[in-house]
Amino acid sequence: MDSSIHLLPVRPHVELGILLRKSLGEKCNIVDLDNTRLLGIGIAIKNNDDEIKLLFVNIYMPFDCADNTDDFMQYVS
């Protein structure tokens, strides 16, 4: 996609939609990361005697110009 034509508008609100199987819904929980730009979703799945834990992290960091390169790199790292 050619980003110079600006088809993707800047989002005024931070929202996240996750699609997953209905059976996984009760295994998910929101993880508080003490930061308004970060959202964490934790999933714990039992597999026989083992438990598998996953953490998904979403970072909201609009990057439209070089002015916020330092902030962007901080969150990505």
N, C-alpha and C. Protein backbone atom coordinates (compact mmCIF):
# COMPACT_ATOMS: atom_id res chain seq x y z
N MET A 1 0.84 -1.17 0.00
CA MET A 1 0.00 0.00 0.00
C MET A 1 0.89 1.24 0.00
N ASP A 2 0.52 2.20 -0.78
CA ASP A 2 1.25 3.46 -0.85
C ASP A 2 0.79 4.35 0.30
N SER A 3 1.63 4.54 1.32
CA SER A 3 1.24 5.32 2.49
C SER A 3 1.19 6.82 2.21
N SER A 4 1.70 7.25 1.08
CA SER A 4 1.69 8.68 0.78
C SER A 4 0.29 9.19 0.46
N ILE A 5 -0.65 8.30 0.14
CA ILE A 5 -2.00 8.76 -0.18
C ILE A 5 -2.90 8.87 1.06
N HIS A 6 -2.38 8.49 2.24
CA HIS A 6 -3.07 8.66 3.52
C HIS A 6 -4.48 8.09 3.55
N LEU A 7 -4.61 6.83 3.21
CA LEU A 7 -5.91 6.17 3.31
C LEU A 7 -6.27 5.82 4.74
N LEU A 8 -5.26 5.72 5.59
CA LEU A 8 -5.50 5.31 6.96
C LEU A 8 -5.59 6.55 7.86
N PRO A 9 -6.78 6.92 8.30
CA PRO A 9 -6.91 8.12 9.14
C PRO A 9 -6.38 7.84 10.53
N VAL A 10 -5.97 8.90 11.23
CA VAL A 10 -5.52 8.78 12.61
C VAL A 10 -6.74 8.50 13.48
N ARG A 11 -6.64 7.51 14.35
CA ARG A 11 -7.77 7.14 15.20
C ARG A 11 -7.87 8.10 16.37
N PRO A 12 -9.04 8.70 16.59
CA PRO A 12 -9.18 9.64 17.71
C PRO A 12 -9.26 8.95 19.06
N HIS A 13 -9.66 7.67 19.10
CA HIS A 13 -9.80 6.94 20.35
C HIS A 13 -9.05 5.62 20.24
N VAL A 14 -8.54 5.17 21.34
CA VAL A 14 -7.82 3.91 21.36
C VAL A 14 -8.83 2.80 21.63
N GLU A 15 -9.00 1.93 20.66
CA GLU A 15 -9.89 0.79 20.79
C GLU A 15 -9.21 -0.42 20.20
N LEU A 16 -9.56 -1.58 20.71
CA LEU A 16 -8.98 -2.81 20.21
C LEU A 16 -10.05 -3.87 20.15
N GLY A 17 -10.16 -4.54 19.03
CA GLY A 17 -11.09 -5.65 18.88
C GLY A 17 -10.31 -6.94 18.68
N ILE A 18 -10.67 -7.97 19.41
CA ILE A 18 -10.02 -9.26 19.29
C ILE A 18 -11.08 -10.30 18.97
N LEU A 19 -10.85 -11.07 17.94
CA LEU A 19 -11.75 -12.16 17.58
C LEU A 19 -11.11 -13.47 17.98
N LEU A 20 -11.85 -14.28 18.74
CA LEU A 20 -11.34 -15.58 19.13
C LEU A 20 -12.50 -16.54 19.36
N ARG A 21 -12.18 -17.79 19.53
CA ARG A 21 -13.22 -18.79 19.76
C ARG A 21 -13.98 -18.49 21.05
N LYS A 22 -15.27 -18.79 21.02
CA LYS A 22 -16.11 -18.53 22.19
C LYS A 22 -15.59 -19.27 23.42
N SER A 23 -15.04 -20.45 23.24
CA SER A 23 -14.54 -21.25 24.36
C SER A 23 -13.32 -20.61 25.03
N LEU A 24 -12.62 -19.71 24.35
CA LEU A 24 -11.45 -19.05 24.93
C LEU A 24 -11.82 -17.79 25.71
N GLY A 25 -13.03 -17.29 25.52
CA GLY A 25 -13.43 -16.04 26.16
C GLY A 25 -13.29 -16.03 27.66
N GLU A 26 -13.65 -17.13 28.32
CA GLU A 26 -13.56 -17.18 29.78
C GLU A 26 -12.13 -17.36 30.26
N LYS A 27 -11.21 -17.68 29.38
CA LYS A 27 -9.81 -17.87 29.75
C LYS A 27 -8.98 -16.59 29.58
N CYS A 28 -9.62 -15.53 29.08
CA CYS A 28 -8.93 -14.26 28.82
C CYS A 28 -9.14 -13.29 29.97
N ASN A 29 -8.13 -12.48 30.21
CA ASN A 29 -8.27 -11.41 31.19
C ASN A 29 -7.44 -10.21 30.73
N ILE A 30 -7.87 -9.03 31.15
CA ILE A 30 -7.16 -7.80 30.81
C ILE A 30 -6.00 -7.64 31.79
N VAL A 31 -4.82 -7.34 31.28
CA VAL A 31 -3.63 -7.15 32.10
C VAL A 31 -3.35 -5.65 32.17
N ASP A 32 -3.36 -5.11 33.38
CA ASP A 32 -3.10 -3.68 33.58
C ASP A 32 -1.60 -3.42 33.47
N LEU A 33 -1.21 -2.63 32.49
CA LEU A 33 0.21 -2.33 32.25
C LEU A 33 0.58 -0.92 32.69
N ASP A 34 -0.31 -0.24 33.41
CA ASP A 34 -0.05 1.10 33.95
C ASP A 34 0.43 2.10 32.91
N ASN A 35 -0.14 2.03 31.71
CA ASN A 35 0.24 2.95 30.65
C ASN A 35 -0.93 3.08 29.70
N THR A 36 -1.30 4.32 29.36
CA THR A 36 -2.47 4.52 28.50
C THR A 36 -2.23 4.08 27.06
N ARG A 37 -0.99 3.91 26.65
CA ARG A 37 -0.70 3.49 25.28
C ARG A 37 -0.56 1.97 25.14
N LEU A 38 -0.57 1.25 26.24
CA LEU A 38 -0.39 -0.20 26.20
C LEU A 38 -1.63 -0.92 26.71
N LEU A 39 -2.01 -1.99 26.02
CA LEU A 39 -3.11 -2.84 26.44
C LEU A 39 -2.63 -4.27 26.42
N GLY A 40 -2.84 -4.98 27.49
CA GLY A 40 -2.42 -6.38 27.57
C GLY A 40 -3.61 -7.30 27.75
N ILE A 41 -3.61 -8.41 27.04
CA ILE A 41 -4.62 -9.45 27.18
C ILE A 41 -3.89 -10.74 27.51
N GLY A 42 -4.23 -11.34 28.63
CA GLY A 42 -3.61 -12.59 29.03
C GLY A 42 -4.56 -13.76 28.78
N ILE A 43 -4.02 -14.87 28.32
CA ILE A 43 -4.81 -16.08 28.09
C ILE A 43 -4.07 -17.24 28.76
N ALA A 44 -4.79 -18.00 29.58
CA ALA A 44 -4.22 -19.19 30.23
C ALA A 44 -5.03 -20.41 29.77
N ILE A 45 -4.36 -21.36 29.14
CA ILE A 45 -5.01 -22.55 28.60
C ILE A 45 -4.38 -23.79 29.24
N LYS A 46 -5.22 -24.64 29.78
CA LYS A 46 -4.72 -25.89 30.37
C LYS A 46 -4.67 -26.95 29.29
N ASN A 47 -3.53 -27.64 29.21
CA ASN A 47 -3.29 -28.69 28.24
C ASN A 47 -2.79 -29.91 29.02
N ASN A 48 -3.70 -30.84 29.28
CA ASN A 48 -3.39 -32.01 30.12
C ASN A 48 -2.91 -31.52 31.49
N ASP A 49 -1.67 -31.80 31.87
CA ASP A 49 -1.15 -31.37 33.17
C ASP A 49 -0.41 -30.04 33.09
N ASP A 50 -0.22 -29.52 31.89
CA ASP A 50 0.51 -28.27 31.70
C ASP A 50 -0.46 -27.10 31.54
N GLU A 51 0.06 -25.91 31.82
CA GLU A 51 -0.72 -24.69 31.58
C GLU A 51 0.08 -23.79 30.65
N ILE A 52 -0.55 -23.38 29.59
CA ILE A 52 0.09 -22.49 28.61
C ILE A 52 -0.43 -21.08 28.86
N LYS A 53 0.50 -20.15 29.06
CA LYS A 53 0.12 -18.75 29.28
C LYS A 53 0.65 -17.89 28.14
N LEU A 54 -0.24 -17.07 27.60
CA LEU A 54 0.12 -16.16 26.52
C LEU A 54 -0.22 -14.73 26.94
N LEU A 55 0.60 -13.80 26.54
CA LEU A 55 0.34 -12.39 26.78
C LEU A 55 0.43 -11.66 25.44
N PHE A 56 -0.67 -11.02 25.07
CA PHE A 56 -0.71 -10.21 23.86
C PHE A 56 -0.66 -8.75 24.28
N VAL A 57 0.23 -8.00 23.68
CA VAL A 57 0.39 -6.58 24.01
C VAL A 57 0.11 -5.75 22.77
N ASN A 58 -0.78 -4.78 22.92
CA ASN A 58 -1.09 -3.86 21.84
C ASN A 58 -0.52 -2.49 22.22
N ILE A 59 0.20 -1.88 21.30
CA ILE A 59 0.78 -0.56 21.52
C ILE A 59 0.08 0.43 20.59
N TYR A 60 -0.54 1.45 21.16
CA TYR A 60 -1.12 2.51 20.35
C TYR A 60 -0.11 3.63 20.25
N MET A 61 0.49 3.76 19.09
CA MET A 61 1.49 4.80 18.88
C MET A 61 1.38 5.28 17.45
N PRO A 62 0.56 6.30 17.21
CA PRO A 62 0.48 6.84 15.86
C PRO A 62 1.85 7.38 15.43
N PHE A 63 2.19 7.11 14.20
CA PHE A 63 3.50 7.53 13.70
C PHE A 63 3.30 8.14 12.33
N ASP A 64 3.04 9.43 12.33
CA ASP A 64 2.77 10.12 11.07
C ASP A 64 3.92 11.01 10.61
N CYS A 65 4.84 11.32 11.52
CA CYS A 65 5.96 12.18 11.16
C CYS A 65 7.15 11.83 12.06
N ALA A 66 8.27 12.40 11.76
CA ALA A 66 9.50 12.08 12.49
C ALA A 66 9.56 12.72 13.88
N ASP A 67 8.60 13.58 14.21
CA ASP A 67 8.62 14.27 15.51
C ASP A 67 8.51 13.30 16.69
N ASN A 68 7.82 12.18 16.51
CA ASN A 68 7.66 11.26 17.63
C ASN A 68 8.46 9.97 17.45
N THR A 69 9.56 10.03 16.74
CA THR A 69 10.42 8.86 16.53
C THR A 69 10.96 8.32 17.85
N ASP A 70 11.40 9.20 18.74
CA ASP A 70 11.95 8.75 20.03
C ASP A 70 10.91 8.01 20.85
N ASP A 71 9.69 8.56 20.94
CA ASP A 71 8.62 7.88 21.68
C ASP A 71 8.29 6.54 21.04
N PHE A 72 8.20 6.51 19.72
CA PHE A 72 7.89 5.27 19.01
C PHE A 72 8.93 4.20 19.30
N MET A 73 10.20 4.56 19.23
CA MET A 73 11.27 3.59 19.49
C MET A 73 11.27 3.11 20.94
N GLN A 74 10.93 3.97 21.87
CA GLN A 74 10.86 3.58 23.28
C GLN A 74 9.79 2.50 23.48
N TYR A 75 8.61 2.70 22.90
CA TYR A 75 7.54 1.73 23.08
C TYR A 75 7.81 0.43 22.33
N VAL A 76 8.40 0.51 21.18
CA VAL A 76 8.69 -0.70 20.42
C VAL A 76 9.77 -1.54 21.11
N SER A 77 10.74 -0.87 21.72
CA SER A 77 11.81 -1.62 22.38
C SER A 77 11.32 -2.19 23.69
